[in-house]
Amino acid sequence: MTHPTEQNEAEAARIEKGRLLFAQECKFVAGAATLTMLPDLPLNEVAFAGRSNVGKSSLINALTNRNTLARTSNTPGRTQQINFFELGGELYLVDLPGHGYAKASKSKIEAWTGLVNTYLRGRPKLRRVCLLIDCRHGLKDVDRDVMKMLDTAAVNYQIILTKSDKSKKSELDKVIEKTEQELSKRPAAHPVVLLTSSAKGTGIEELRAEIASLAE
């Protein structure tokens, strides 16, 4: 049986590993708007997916302590390609175009969707997909479609609830419980649901630690 002190020490070590990784330089290395542009990269990858306007760019910026690494915008669908960022020579963070609503032509949206789905299904170095969900809205059918595809492809994914500063604790508890119940039936889902707020810094340490555990 693990002693509580040992557990605390192990968790502190995980948090510190995450802090050290994200204190290193994070730089843009490649962008892919088409399948032929997808780069062949040597390190493990952690991808960020989610509906348009879920706070993906804000979360990536909060994790890396940079305001402008990933472009933030109030216009859904601004990320129109897959962007690869190298973190400390140990890992790639991958920013995916938002699924669902976007102010673009139908053919363009279909092209992004095909690109993202092909990337998610066939990337050998992809260690985890962080699937971002706005905690005020919970899981939607468009998210479930992505989860179903990842389950089928056996790609590990973790639900990251965003914008937790905009909800009451009772509402957050409800959405966490509901999400965990749904994940228990899904084969590729990571069991731990993380609650985050880019504005307040909630959950950023824990998410850094999770990501650092997937580095080379």
N, C-alpha and C. Protein backbone atom coordinates (compact mmCIF):
# COMPACT_ATOMS: atom_id res chain seq x y z
N MET A 1 0.84 -1.20 0.00
CA MET A 1 0.00 0.00 0.00
C MET A 1 0.88 1.25 0.00
N THR A 2 0.54 2.22 -0.86
CA THR A 2 1.35 3.45 -0.94
C THR A 2 0.99 4.39 0.19
N HIS A 3 2.01 4.90 0.86
CA HIS A 3 1.82 5.83 1.97
C HIS A 3 1.41 7.19 1.41
N PRO A 4 0.47 7.91 2.11
CA PRO A 4 0.04 9.23 1.63
C PRO A 4 1.20 10.20 1.36
N THR A 5 2.24 10.14 2.23
CA THR A 5 3.40 11.03 2.03
C THR A 5 4.10 10.74 0.71
N GLU A 6 4.22 9.43 0.41
CA GLU A 6 4.85 9.02 -0.86
C GLU A 6 4.02 9.51 -2.04
N GLN A 7 2.68 9.41 -1.90
CA GLN A 7 1.78 9.88 -2.96
C GLN A 7 1.97 11.38 -3.19
N ASN A 8 2.03 12.13 -2.09
CA ASN A 8 2.21 13.59 -2.18
C ASN A 8 3.54 13.93 -2.85
N GLU A 9 4.57 13.18 -2.49
CA GLU A 9 5.91 13.43 -3.06
C GLU A 9 5.92 13.11 -4.56
N ALA A 10 5.25 12.01 -4.92
CA ALA A 10 5.17 11.61 -6.33
C ALA A 10 4.43 12.66 -7.14
N GLU A 11 3.33 13.18 -6.57
CA GLU A 11 2.55 14.20 -7.27
C GLU A 11 3.34 15.50 -7.41
N ALA A 12 4.08 15.85 -6.34
CA ALA A 12 4.92 17.06 -6.38
C ALA A 12 6.00 16.92 -7.46
N ALA A 13 6.56 15.72 -7.58
CA ALA A 13 7.59 15.46 -8.60
C ALA A 13 7.00 15.57 -10.00
N ARG A 14 5.77 15.07 -10.18
CA ARG A 14 5.07 15.18 -11.47
C ARG A 14 4.83 16.65 -11.85
N ILE A 15 4.36 17.41 -10.86
CA ILE A 15 4.08 18.84 -11.09
C ILE A 15 5.37 19.58 -11.46
N GLU A 16 6.45 19.24 -10.76
CA GLU A 16 7.74 19.90 -11.03
C GLU A 16 8.26 19.53 -12.42
N LYS A 17 8.08 18.28 -12.81
CA LYS A 17 8.50 17.85 -14.15
C LYS A 17 7.74 18.64 -15.21
N GLY A 18 6.45 18.83 -14.98
CA GLY A 18 5.63 19.61 -15.90
C GLY A 18 6.07 21.06 -15.96
N ARG A 19 6.36 21.62 -14.79
CA ARG A 19 6.80 23.03 -14.72
C ARG A 19 8.09 23.23 -15.50
N LEU A 20 9.04 22.31 -15.30
CA LEU A 20 10.34 22.41 -15.97
C LEU A 20 10.21 22.27 -17.49
N LEU A 21 9.36 21.33 -17.92
CA LEU A 21 9.18 21.15 -19.36
C LEU A 21 8.61 22.41 -20.00
N PHE A 22 7.57 22.97 -19.38
CA PHE A 22 6.90 24.13 -19.97
C PHE A 22 7.64 25.45 -19.73
N ALA A 23 8.72 25.40 -18.91
CA ALA A 23 9.57 26.59 -18.76
C ALA A 23 10.55 26.72 -19.93
N GLN A 24 10.66 25.64 -20.71
CA GLN A 24 11.60 25.65 -21.83
C GLN A 24 11.00 26.36 -23.05
N GLU A 25 11.85 26.57 -24.04
CA GLU A 25 11.41 27.27 -25.25
C GLU A 25 10.36 26.46 -25.99
N CYS A 26 9.32 27.13 -26.46
CA CYS A 26 8.30 26.49 -27.29
C CYS A 26 8.24 27.27 -28.59
N LYS A 27 8.50 26.59 -29.70
CA LYS A 27 8.57 27.32 -30.97
C LYS A 27 7.76 26.62 -32.06
N PHE A 28 7.21 27.43 -32.93
CA PHE A 28 6.46 26.92 -34.08
C PHE A 28 7.42 26.22 -35.03
N VAL A 29 7.08 24.99 -35.45
CA VAL A 29 7.98 24.28 -36.36
C VAL A 29 7.35 23.96 -37.71
N ALA A 30 6.02 23.82 -37.76
CA ALA A 30 5.40 23.49 -39.04
C ALA A 30 3.90 23.73 -38.98
N GLY A 31 3.33 24.04 -40.15
CA GLY A 31 1.89 24.15 -40.29
C GLY A 31 1.46 23.32 -41.48
N ALA A 32 0.36 22.60 -41.35
CA ALA A 32 -0.10 21.75 -42.45
C ALA A 32 -1.55 22.07 -42.78
N ALA A 33 -1.77 22.55 -43.98
CA ALA A 33 -3.13 22.84 -44.45
C ALA A 33 -3.67 21.72 -45.33
N THR A 34 -2.77 20.82 -45.74
CA THR A 34 -3.16 19.66 -46.56
C THR A 34 -2.43 18.42 -46.05
N LEU A 35 -2.89 17.25 -46.46
CA LEU A 35 -2.27 15.99 -46.03
C LEU A 35 -0.80 15.90 -46.43
N THR A 36 -0.48 16.38 -47.64
CA THR A 36 0.91 16.29 -48.12
C THR A 36 1.85 17.19 -47.32
N MET A 37 1.27 18.17 -46.61
CA MET A 37 2.11 19.09 -45.82
C MET A 37 2.38 18.56 -44.41
N LEU A 38 1.72 17.46 -44.01
CA LEU A 38 1.94 16.94 -42.65
C LEU A 38 3.41 16.54 -42.49
N PRO A 39 4.12 17.12 -41.50
CA PRO A 39 5.55 16.84 -41.37
C PRO A 39 5.83 15.49 -40.72
N ASP A 40 6.97 14.91 -41.06
CA ASP A 40 7.44 13.68 -40.42
C ASP A 40 8.36 14.11 -39.29
N LEU A 41 7.90 14.01 -38.05
CA LEU A 41 8.63 14.56 -36.91
C LEU A 41 9.08 13.45 -35.96
N PRO A 42 10.23 13.64 -35.28
CA PRO A 42 10.80 12.54 -34.49
C PRO A 42 10.24 12.36 -33.08
N LEU A 43 9.62 13.40 -32.49
CA LEU A 43 9.23 13.32 -31.08
C LEU A 43 7.75 12.97 -30.91
N ASN A 44 7.39 12.59 -29.68
CA ASN A 44 5.99 12.34 -29.35
C ASN A 44 5.15 13.61 -29.52
N GLU A 45 3.85 13.40 -29.78
CA GLU A 45 2.95 14.54 -30.00
C GLU A 45 1.76 14.46 -29.05
N VAL A 46 1.33 15.63 -28.58
CA VAL A 46 0.08 15.77 -27.82
C VAL A 46 -0.76 16.79 -28.57
N ALA A 47 -1.95 16.39 -29.01
CA ALA A 47 -2.78 17.27 -29.83
C ALA A 47 -3.92 17.87 -29.02
N PHE A 48 -4.30 19.08 -29.40
CA PHE A 48 -5.41 19.79 -28.75
C PHE A 48 -6.55 19.93 -29.76
N ALA A 49 -7.68 19.33 -29.42
CA ALA A 49 -8.86 19.37 -30.30
C ALA A 49 -10.04 19.94 -29.51
N GLY A 50 -11.04 20.39 -30.23
CA GLY A 50 -12.23 20.91 -29.57
C GLY A 50 -13.08 21.72 -30.52
N ARG A 51 -14.31 21.98 -30.11
CA ARG A 51 -15.20 22.79 -30.93
C ARG A 51 -14.62 24.18 -31.11
N SER A 52 -15.00 24.83 -32.19
CA SER A 52 -14.59 26.21 -32.42
C SER A 52 -14.97 27.07 -31.21
N ASN A 53 -14.06 27.94 -30.80
CA ASN A 53 -14.29 28.89 -29.70
C ASN A 53 -14.34 28.25 -28.31
N VAL A 54 -13.74 27.07 -28.16
CA VAL A 54 -13.76 26.40 -26.85
C VAL A 54 -12.64 26.90 -25.94
N GLY A 55 -11.72 27.70 -26.51
CA GLY A 55 -10.62 28.25 -25.71
C GLY A 55 -9.31 27.51 -25.89
N LYS A 56 -9.15 26.89 -27.06
CA LYS A 56 -7.96 26.08 -27.33
C LYS A 56 -6.68 26.91 -27.35
N SER A 57 -6.71 28.00 -28.13
CA SER A 57 -5.51 28.85 -28.23
C SER A 57 -5.15 29.46 -26.87
N SER A 58 -6.18 29.90 -26.14
CA SER A 58 -5.94 30.49 -24.81
C SER A 58 -5.29 29.48 -23.87
N LEU A 59 -5.74 28.22 -23.94
CA LEU A 59 -5.18 27.18 -23.06
C LEU A 59 -3.72 26.89 -23.43
N ILE A 60 -3.42 26.78 -24.73
CA ILE A 60 -2.05 26.53 -25.16
C ILE A 60 -1.14 27.68 -24.72
N ASN A 61 -1.63 28.91 -24.85
CA ASN A 61 -0.85 30.07 -24.41
C ASN A 61 -0.63 30.05 -22.89
N ALA A 62 -1.67 29.66 -22.13
CA ALA A 62 -1.54 29.59 -20.66
C ALA A 62 -0.54 28.51 -20.25
N LEU A 63 -0.59 27.36 -20.91
CA LEU A 63 0.33 26.26 -20.60
C LEU A 63 1.78 26.67 -20.82
N THR A 64 2.02 27.40 -21.92
CA THR A 64 3.39 27.74 -22.32
C THR A 64 3.85 29.10 -21.79
N ASN A 65 2.97 29.77 -21.01
CA ASN A 65 3.30 31.10 -20.47
C ASN A 65 3.61 32.12 -21.56
N ARG A 66 2.94 31.98 -22.70
CA ARG A 66 3.15 32.93 -23.79
C ARG A 66 1.79 33.44 -24.25
N ASN A 67 1.75 34.73 -24.55
CA ASN A 67 0.46 35.31 -24.93
C ASN A 67 0.13 35.14 -26.41
N THR A 68 1.15 34.90 -27.21
CA THR A 68 0.92 34.95 -28.66
C THR A 68 1.36 33.68 -29.38
N LEU A 69 1.64 32.61 -28.64
CA LEU A 69 2.10 31.38 -29.31
C LEU A 69 1.01 30.87 -30.25
N ALA A 70 -0.17 30.65 -29.69
CA ALA A 70 -1.33 30.25 -30.51
C ALA A 70 -2.23 31.47 -30.63
N ARG A 71 -2.69 31.73 -31.83
CA ARG A 71 -3.52 32.92 -32.05
C ARG A 71 -4.88 32.75 -31.39
N THR A 72 -5.30 33.76 -30.63
CA THR A 72 -6.64 33.71 -30.04
C THR A 72 -7.53 34.68 -30.81
N SER A 73 -8.79 34.32 -30.87
CA SER A 73 -9.73 35.15 -31.62
C SER A 73 -11.14 34.88 -31.14
N ASN A 74 -11.98 35.91 -31.21
CA ASN A 74 -13.39 35.71 -30.88
C ASN A 74 -14.16 35.16 -32.08
N THR A 75 -13.49 35.07 -33.22
CA THR A 75 -14.13 34.52 -34.42
C THR A 75 -13.87 33.02 -34.47
N PRO A 76 -14.90 32.19 -34.31
CA PRO A 76 -14.68 30.74 -34.37
C PRO A 76 -14.09 30.34 -35.71
N GLY A 77 -13.20 29.34 -35.65
CA GLY A 77 -12.65 28.79 -36.89
C GLY A 77 -11.45 29.55 -37.42
N ARG A 78 -10.74 30.27 -36.55
CA ARG A 78 -9.58 31.02 -37.02
C ARG A 78 -8.38 30.12 -37.32
N THR A 79 -8.21 29.03 -36.54
CA THR A 79 -7.12 28.10 -36.81
C THR A 79 -7.52 27.27 -38.03
N GLN A 80 -6.85 27.52 -39.16
CA GLN A 80 -7.28 26.86 -40.40
C GLN A 80 -6.26 25.85 -40.90
N GLN A 81 -5.30 25.50 -40.05
CA GLN A 81 -4.36 24.45 -40.40
C GLN A 81 -3.93 23.76 -39.12
N ILE A 82 -3.23 22.64 -39.26
CA ILE A 82 -2.67 21.96 -38.09
C ILE A 82 -1.31 22.59 -37.81
N ASN A 83 -1.14 23.13 -36.59
CA ASN A 83 0.10 23.81 -36.23
C ASN A 83 0.89 22.98 -35.23
N PHE A 84 2.18 22.80 -35.51
CA PHE A 84 3.07 21.99 -34.65
C PHE A 84 4.05 22.91 -33.92
N PHE A 85 4.12 22.77 -32.60
CA PHE A 85 5.05 23.55 -31.78
C PHE A 85 5.98 22.59 -31.05
N GLU A 86 7.28 22.85 -31.12
CA GLU A 86 8.25 21.99 -30.42
C GLU A 86 8.52 22.57 -29.03
N LEU A 87 8.38 21.72 -28.01
CA LEU A 87 8.55 22.15 -26.63
C LEU A 87 9.82 21.55 -26.04
N GLY A 88 10.83 22.40 -25.87
CA GLY A 88 12.07 22.00 -25.19
C GLY A 88 12.79 20.82 -25.81
N GLY A 89 12.58 20.57 -27.09
CA GLY A 89 13.23 19.43 -27.76
C GLY A 89 12.77 18.08 -27.24
N GLU A 90 11.61 18.06 -26.52
CA GLU A 90 11.15 16.81 -25.91
C GLU A 90 9.78 16.35 -26.40
N LEU A 91 9.02 17.26 -27.02
CA LEU A 91 7.62 16.97 -27.31
C LEU A 91 7.08 17.99 -28.30
N TYR A 92 6.07 17.58 -29.08
CA TYR A 92 5.36 18.55 -29.93
C TYR A 92 3.95 18.75 -29.39
N LEU A 93 3.55 20.02 -29.30
CA LEU A 93 2.15 20.37 -29.03
C LEU A 93 1.52 20.65 -30.38
N VAL A 94 0.36 20.06 -30.63
CA VAL A 94 -0.27 20.17 -31.95
C VAL A 94 -1.63 20.84 -31.79
N ASP A 95 -1.79 21.98 -32.43
CA ASP A 95 -3.02 22.77 -32.36
C ASP A 95 -3.86 22.46 -33.60
N LEU A 96 -5.03 21.84 -33.38
CA LEU A 96 -5.89 21.41 -34.49
C LEU A 96 -6.99 22.43 -34.76
N PRO A 97 -7.45 22.54 -36.03
CA PRO A 97 -8.60 23.40 -36.31
C PRO A 97 -9.81 22.95 -35.52
N GLY A 98 -10.61 23.89 -35.05
CA GLY A 98 -11.80 23.55 -34.26
C GLY A 98 -12.83 22.81 -35.09
N HIS A 99 -13.49 21.82 -34.47
CA HIS A 99 -14.55 21.14 -35.20
C HIS A 99 -15.89 21.81 -34.90
N GLY A 100 -16.84 21.59 -35.78
CA GLY A 100 -18.14 22.25 -35.60
C GLY A 100 -18.19 23.56 -36.35
N TYR A 101 -18.86 24.52 -35.76
CA TYR A 101 -19.12 25.81 -36.41
C TYR A 101 -17.84 26.56 -36.77
N ALA A 102 -17.81 27.10 -37.97
CA ALA A 102 -16.72 28.00 -38.35
C ALA A 102 -17.20 28.87 -39.50
N LYS A 103 -16.72 30.12 -39.51
CA LYS A 103 -17.13 31.03 -40.60
C LYS A 103 -16.25 30.77 -41.82
N ALA A 104 -16.60 29.73 -42.56
CA ALA A 104 -15.85 29.38 -43.76
C ALA A 104 -16.80 28.63 -44.68
N SER A 105 -16.37 28.43 -45.91
CA SER A 105 -17.22 27.72 -46.87
C SER A 105 -17.33 26.25 -46.47
N LYS A 106 -18.42 25.62 -46.92
CA LYS A 106 -18.66 24.21 -46.59
C LYS A 106 -17.51 23.33 -47.08
N SER A 107 -17.03 23.62 -48.29
CA SER A 107 -15.95 22.79 -48.86
C SER A 107 -14.67 22.93 -48.04
N LYS A 108 -14.42 24.15 -47.53
CA LYS A 108 -13.22 24.39 -46.72
C LYS A 108 -13.32 23.64 -45.39
N ILE A 109 -14.50 23.69 -44.78
CA ILE A 109 -14.71 23.00 -43.50
C ILE A 109 -14.55 21.49 -43.69
N GLU A 110 -15.09 20.96 -44.80
CA GLU A 110 -14.95 19.53 -45.10
C GLU A 110 -13.48 19.15 -45.29
N ALA A 111 -12.72 20.04 -45.93
CA ALA A 111 -11.29 19.78 -46.14
C ALA A 111 -10.54 19.74 -44.81
N TRP A 112 -10.82 20.71 -43.90
CA TRP A 112 -10.17 20.71 -42.57
C TRP A 112 -10.53 19.44 -41.82
N THR A 113 -11.85 19.09 -41.86
CA THR A 113 -12.31 17.92 -41.11
C THR A 113 -11.60 16.66 -41.59
N GLY A 114 -11.49 16.52 -42.90
CA GLY A 114 -10.79 15.35 -43.46
C GLY A 114 -9.33 15.32 -43.05
N LEU A 115 -8.68 16.50 -43.06
CA LEU A 115 -7.27 16.61 -42.67
C LEU A 115 -7.09 16.21 -41.21
N VAL A 116 -7.93 16.78 -40.33
CA VAL A 116 -7.82 16.51 -38.88
C VAL A 116 -8.09 15.03 -38.58
N ASN A 117 -9.14 14.48 -39.19
CA ASN A 117 -9.48 13.07 -38.95
C ASN A 117 -8.37 12.13 -39.42
N THR A 118 -7.79 12.44 -40.57
CA THR A 118 -6.69 11.61 -41.09
C THR A 118 -5.48 11.70 -40.16
N TYR A 119 -5.19 12.92 -39.69
CA TYR A 119 -4.08 13.11 -38.74
C TYR A 119 -4.33 12.28 -37.47
N LEU A 120 -5.51 12.41 -36.90
CA LEU A 120 -5.82 11.75 -35.63
C LEU A 120 -5.76 10.23 -35.74
N ARG A 121 -6.17 9.71 -36.88
CA ARG A 121 -6.23 8.24 -37.04
C ARG A 121 -4.88 7.62 -37.37
N GLY A 122 -4.00 8.40 -38.01
CA GLY A 122 -2.82 7.74 -38.56
C GLY A 122 -1.48 8.31 -38.14
N ARG A 123 -1.41 8.85 -36.93
CA ARG A 123 -0.17 9.50 -36.50
C ARG A 123 0.53 8.62 -35.48
N PRO A 124 1.60 7.91 -35.85
CA PRO A 124 2.21 6.93 -34.92
C PRO A 124 2.78 7.54 -33.64
N LYS A 125 3.20 8.81 -33.69
CA LYS A 125 3.82 9.43 -32.50
C LYS A 125 2.80 10.18 -31.63
N LEU A 126 1.54 10.12 -32.01
CA LEU A 126 0.50 10.83 -31.24
C LEU A 126 0.21 10.05 -29.96
N ARG A 127 0.58 10.62 -28.83
CA ARG A 127 0.43 9.92 -27.54
C ARG A 127 -0.92 10.21 -26.86
N ARG A 128 -1.47 11.41 -27.10
CA ARG A 128 -2.76 11.73 -26.48
C ARG A 128 -3.41 12.90 -27.21
N VAL A 129 -4.73 12.86 -27.24
CA VAL A 129 -5.50 14.00 -27.72
C VAL A 129 -6.18 14.63 -26.51
N CYS A 130 -5.91 15.91 -26.28
CA CYS A 130 -6.64 16.66 -25.25
C CYS A 130 -7.89 17.21 -25.93
N LEU A 131 -9.04 16.66 -25.59
CA LEU A 131 -10.29 17.09 -26.21
C LEU A 131 -10.94 18.12 -25.29
N LEU A 132 -10.95 19.37 -25.74
CA LEU A 132 -11.42 20.48 -24.91
C LEU A 132 -12.93 20.64 -25.03
N ILE A 133 -13.56 20.80 -23.87
CA ILE A 133 -15.02 20.95 -23.79
C ILE A 133 -15.31 22.16 -22.90
N ASP A 134 -16.11 23.08 -23.39
CA ASP A 134 -16.54 24.23 -22.59
C ASP A 134 -17.44 23.71 -21.48
N CYS A 135 -17.02 23.92 -20.21
CA CYS A 135 -17.75 23.29 -19.10
C CYS A 135 -19.18 23.85 -18.95
N ARG A 136 -19.48 24.98 -19.58
CA ARG A 136 -20.85 25.52 -19.51
C ARG A 136 -21.79 24.73 -20.42
N HIS A 137 -21.24 24.05 -21.41
CA HIS A 137 -22.09 23.37 -22.40
C HIS A 137 -21.99 21.84 -22.33
N GLY A 138 -20.89 21.31 -21.78
CA GLY A 138 -20.72 19.87 -21.70
C GLY A 138 -20.52 19.23 -23.07
N LEU A 139 -20.56 17.90 -23.11
CA LEU A 139 -20.34 17.16 -24.36
C LEU A 139 -21.50 17.35 -25.32
N LYS A 140 -21.17 17.62 -26.57
CA LYS A 140 -22.17 17.74 -27.64
C LYS A 140 -21.96 16.58 -28.62
N ASP A 141 -22.93 16.39 -29.51
CA ASP A 141 -22.83 15.29 -30.48
C ASP A 141 -21.58 15.39 -31.35
N VAL A 142 -21.18 16.62 -31.69
CA VAL A 142 -19.99 16.80 -32.52
C VAL A 142 -18.73 16.31 -31.77
N ASP A 143 -18.72 16.46 -30.43
CA ASP A 143 -17.61 15.93 -29.62
C ASP A 143 -17.67 14.41 -29.58
N ARG A 144 -18.87 13.89 -29.46
CA ARG A 144 -19.04 12.43 -29.40
C ARG A 144 -18.59 11.77 -30.70
N ASP A 145 -18.81 12.47 -31.82
CA ASP A 145 -18.34 11.94 -33.11
C ASP A 145 -16.83 11.78 -33.11
N VAL A 146 -16.14 12.79 -32.56
CA VAL A 146 -14.66 12.75 -32.47
C VAL A 146 -14.24 11.62 -31.53
N MET A 147 -14.92 11.50 -30.38
CA MET A 147 -14.60 10.46 -29.41
C MET A 147 -14.79 9.06 -30.01
N LYS A 148 -15.87 8.91 -30.77
CA LYS A 148 -16.15 7.61 -31.40
C LYS A 148 -15.03 7.24 -32.38
N MET A 149 -14.59 8.23 -33.15
CA MET A 149 -13.51 7.99 -34.11
C MET A 149 -12.22 7.61 -33.38
N LEU A 150 -11.92 8.31 -32.28
CA LEU A 150 -10.69 8.02 -31.51
C LEU A 150 -10.78 6.65 -30.84
N ASP A 151 -11.98 6.30 -30.36
CA ASP A 151 -12.18 4.95 -29.79
C ASP A 151 -11.89 3.88 -30.84
N THR A 152 -12.43 4.09 -32.04
CA THR A 152 -12.25 3.12 -33.13
C THR A 152 -10.79 3.00 -33.53
N ALA A 153 -10.10 4.16 -33.55
CA ALA A 153 -8.68 4.18 -33.95
C ALA A 153 -7.74 3.81 -32.79
N ALA A 154 -8.31 3.61 -31.59
CA ALA A 154 -7.53 3.30 -30.38
C ALA A 154 -6.50 4.38 -30.08
N VAL A 155 -6.93 5.64 -30.21
CA VAL A 155 -6.07 6.79 -29.87
C VAL A 155 -6.52 7.33 -28.51
N ASN A 156 -5.61 7.34 -27.55
CA ASN A 156 -5.91 7.79 -26.19
C ASN A 156 -6.29 9.27 -26.18
N TYR A 157 -7.39 9.60 -25.49
CA TYR A 157 -7.79 11.02 -25.39
C TYR A 157 -8.25 11.32 -23.98
N GLN A 158 -8.13 12.59 -23.62
CA GLN A 158 -8.50 13.05 -22.28
C GLN A 158 -9.39 14.29 -22.40
N ILE A 159 -10.47 14.32 -21.64
CA ILE A 159 -11.36 15.48 -21.67
C ILE A 159 -10.80 16.58 -20.77
N ILE A 160 -10.64 17.76 -21.35
CA ILE A 160 -10.19 18.94 -20.60
C ILE A 160 -11.35 19.94 -20.61
N LEU A 161 -11.94 20.17 -19.45
CA LEU A 161 -13.04 21.14 -19.35
C LEU A 161 -12.44 22.54 -19.25
N THR A 162 -12.88 23.45 -20.12
CA THR A 162 -12.33 24.82 -20.15
C THR A 162 -13.32 25.83 -19.57
N LYS A 163 -12.80 27.03 -19.31
CA LYS A 163 -13.61 28.19 -18.87
C LYS A 163 -14.34 27.91 -17.55
N SER A 164 -13.65 27.21 -16.62
CA SER A 164 -14.29 26.84 -15.35
C SER A 164 -14.60 28.07 -14.49
N ASP A 165 -13.93 29.20 -14.77
CA ASP A 165 -14.17 30.42 -13.98
C ASP A 165 -15.55 31.01 -14.28
N LYS A 166 -16.21 30.52 -15.33
CA LYS A 166 -17.50 31.10 -15.72
C LYS A 166 -18.70 30.31 -15.17
N SER A 167 -18.42 29.28 -14.33
CA SER A 167 -19.51 28.46 -13.77
C SER A 167 -19.41 28.36 -12.26
N LYS A 168 -20.55 28.08 -11.62
CA LYS A 168 -20.57 27.85 -10.16
C LYS A 168 -20.05 26.45 -9.87
N LYS A 169 -19.60 26.24 -8.63
CA LYS A 169 -19.03 24.94 -8.25
C LYS A 169 -20.05 23.81 -8.43
N SER A 170 -21.30 24.05 -8.04
CA SER A 170 -22.32 23.00 -8.16
C SER A 170 -22.52 22.58 -9.62
N GLU A 171 -22.45 23.56 -10.54
CA GLU A 171 -22.59 23.27 -11.97
C GLU A 171 -21.38 22.48 -12.48
N LEU A 172 -20.20 22.86 -11.98
CA LEU A 172 -18.97 22.17 -12.39
C LEU A 172 -18.98 20.71 -11.91
N ASP A 173 -19.40 20.50 -10.67
CA ASP A 173 -19.47 19.14 -10.12
C ASP A 173 -20.39 18.27 -10.97
N LYS A 174 -21.52 18.86 -11.40
CA LYS A 174 -22.49 18.13 -12.22
C LYS A 174 -21.90 17.74 -13.56
N VAL A 175 -21.23 18.69 -14.21
CA VAL A 175 -20.69 18.43 -15.56
C VAL A 175 -19.54 17.42 -15.49
N ILE A 176 -18.74 17.46 -14.42
CA ILE A 176 -17.65 16.49 -14.25
C ILE A 176 -18.24 15.09 -14.08
N GLU A 177 -19.24 14.96 -13.20
CA GLU A 177 -19.86 13.66 -12.94
C GLU A 177 -20.47 13.08 -14.22
N LYS A 178 -21.20 13.92 -14.95
CA LYS A 178 -21.86 13.49 -16.19
C LYS A 178 -20.82 13.05 -17.23
N THR A 179 -19.74 13.82 -17.33
CA THR A 179 -18.68 13.51 -18.31
C THR A 179 -17.99 12.20 -17.94
N GLU A 180 -17.68 12.03 -16.65
CA GLU A 180 -17.01 10.80 -16.21
C GLU A 180 -17.87 9.56 -16.46
N GLN A 181 -19.17 9.70 -16.25
CA GLN A 181 -20.09 8.58 -16.51
C GLN A 181 -20.03 8.17 -17.98
N GLU A 182 -20.03 9.18 -18.85
CA GLU A 182 -20.01 8.90 -20.29
C GLU A 182 -18.67 8.27 -20.70
N LEU A 183 -17.58 8.75 -20.11
CA LEU A 183 -16.25 8.24 -20.47
C LEU A 183 -16.05 6.79 -20.03
N SER A 184 -16.73 6.39 -18.96
CA SER A 184 -16.54 5.03 -18.42
C SER A 184 -16.91 3.95 -19.45
N LYS A 185 -17.72 4.35 -20.45
CA LYS A 185 -18.15 3.37 -21.47
C LYS A 185 -17.28 3.43 -22.71
N ARG A 186 -16.26 4.29 -22.71
CA ARG A 186 -15.48 4.51 -23.94
C ARG A 186 -14.07 3.92 -23.79
N PRO A 187 -13.67 3.03 -24.71
CA PRO A 187 -12.42 2.28 -24.53
C PRO A 187 -11.13 3.09 -24.60
N ALA A 188 -11.09 4.18 -25.37
CA ALA A 188 -9.82 4.90 -25.53
C ALA A 188 -9.70 6.14 -24.63
N ALA A 189 -10.74 6.38 -23.82
CA ALA A 189 -10.76 7.59 -22.99
C ALA A 189 -9.88 7.45 -21.75
N HIS A 190 -9.12 8.50 -21.44
CA HIS A 190 -8.39 8.59 -20.18
C HIS A 190 -9.42 8.86 -19.10
N PRO A 191 -9.35 8.17 -17.96
CA PRO A 191 -10.43 8.31 -16.96
C PRO A 191 -10.48 9.64 -16.22
N VAL A 192 -9.36 10.37 -16.18
CA VAL A 192 -9.31 11.61 -15.39
C VAL A 192 -9.77 12.80 -16.24
N VAL A 193 -10.83 13.47 -15.77
CA VAL A 193 -11.32 14.69 -16.41
C VAL A 193 -10.66 15.88 -15.71
N LEU A 194 -10.02 16.75 -16.49
CA LEU A 194 -9.33 17.90 -15.89
C LEU A 194 -10.14 19.17 -16.07
N LEU A 195 -10.24 19.93 -15.01
CA LEU A 195 -10.97 21.20 -15.01
C LEU A 195 -9.96 22.34 -15.12
N THR A 196 -10.13 23.22 -16.11
CA THR A 196 -9.15 24.29 -16.32
C THR A 196 -9.81 25.65 -16.51
N SER A 197 -9.02 26.68 -16.25
CA SER A 197 -9.39 28.05 -16.61
C SER A 197 -8.12 28.77 -17.03
N SER A 198 -8.05 29.16 -18.30
CA SER A 198 -6.87 29.90 -18.78
C SER A 198 -6.78 31.26 -18.10
N ALA A 199 -7.95 31.84 -17.80
CA ALA A 199 -7.98 33.18 -17.18
C ALA A 199 -7.46 33.15 -15.74
N LYS A 200 -7.85 32.11 -14.99
CA LYS A 200 -7.49 32.04 -13.56
C LYS A 200 -6.30 31.13 -13.28
N GLY A 201 -5.88 30.33 -14.28
CA GLY A 201 -4.76 29.41 -14.07
C GLY A 201 -5.16 28.08 -13.44
N THR A 202 -6.46 27.86 -13.27
CA THR A 202 -6.95 26.61 -12.68
C THR A 202 -6.56 25.42 -13.55
N GLY A 203 -6.00 24.38 -12.91
CA GLY A 203 -5.71 23.13 -13.60
C GLY A 203 -4.52 23.15 -14.54
N ILE A 204 -3.86 24.30 -14.67
CA ILE A 204 -2.75 24.41 -15.63
C ILE A 204 -1.56 23.54 -15.18
N GLU A 205 -1.24 23.59 -13.89
CA GLU A 205 -0.14 22.76 -13.35
C GLU A 205 -0.39 21.29 -13.60
N GLU A 206 -1.63 20.84 -13.33
CA GLU A 206 -1.98 19.43 -13.47
C GLU A 206 -1.90 18.98 -14.93
N LEU A 207 -2.36 19.85 -15.83
CA LEU A 207 -2.32 19.50 -17.25
C LEU A 207 -0.88 19.47 -17.76
N ARG A 208 -0.05 20.40 -17.29
CA ARG A 208 1.38 20.37 -17.65
C ARG A 208 2.00 19.05 -17.22
N ALA A 209 1.66 18.61 -16.00
CA ALA A 209 2.21 17.35 -15.46
C ALA A 209 1.77 16.16 -16.32
N GLU A 210 0.50 16.14 -16.71
CA GLU A 210 -0.03 15.06 -17.56
C GLU A 210 0.74 15.01 -18.88
N ILE A 211 0.92 16.19 -19.50
CA ILE A 211 1.58 16.26 -20.80
C ILE A 211 3.06 15.86 -20.67
N ALA A 212 3.71 16.31 -19.59
CA ALA A 212 5.13 16.00 -19.38
C ALA A 212 5.35 14.49 -19.25
N SER A 213 4.35 13.79 -18.71
CA SER A 213 4.49 12.33 -18.56
C SER A 213 4.48 11.60 -19.90
N LEU A 214 4.11 12.32 -20.98
CA LEU A 214 4.04 11.72 -22.31
C LEU A 214 5.23 12.10 -23.19
N ALA A 215 6.14 12.92 -22.63
CA ALA A 215 7.33 13.35 -23.39
C ALA A 215 8.27 12.16 -23.60
N GLU A 216 9.23 12.36 -24.52
CA GLU A 216 10.21 11.29 -24.82
C GLU A 216 11.00 10.96 -23.57
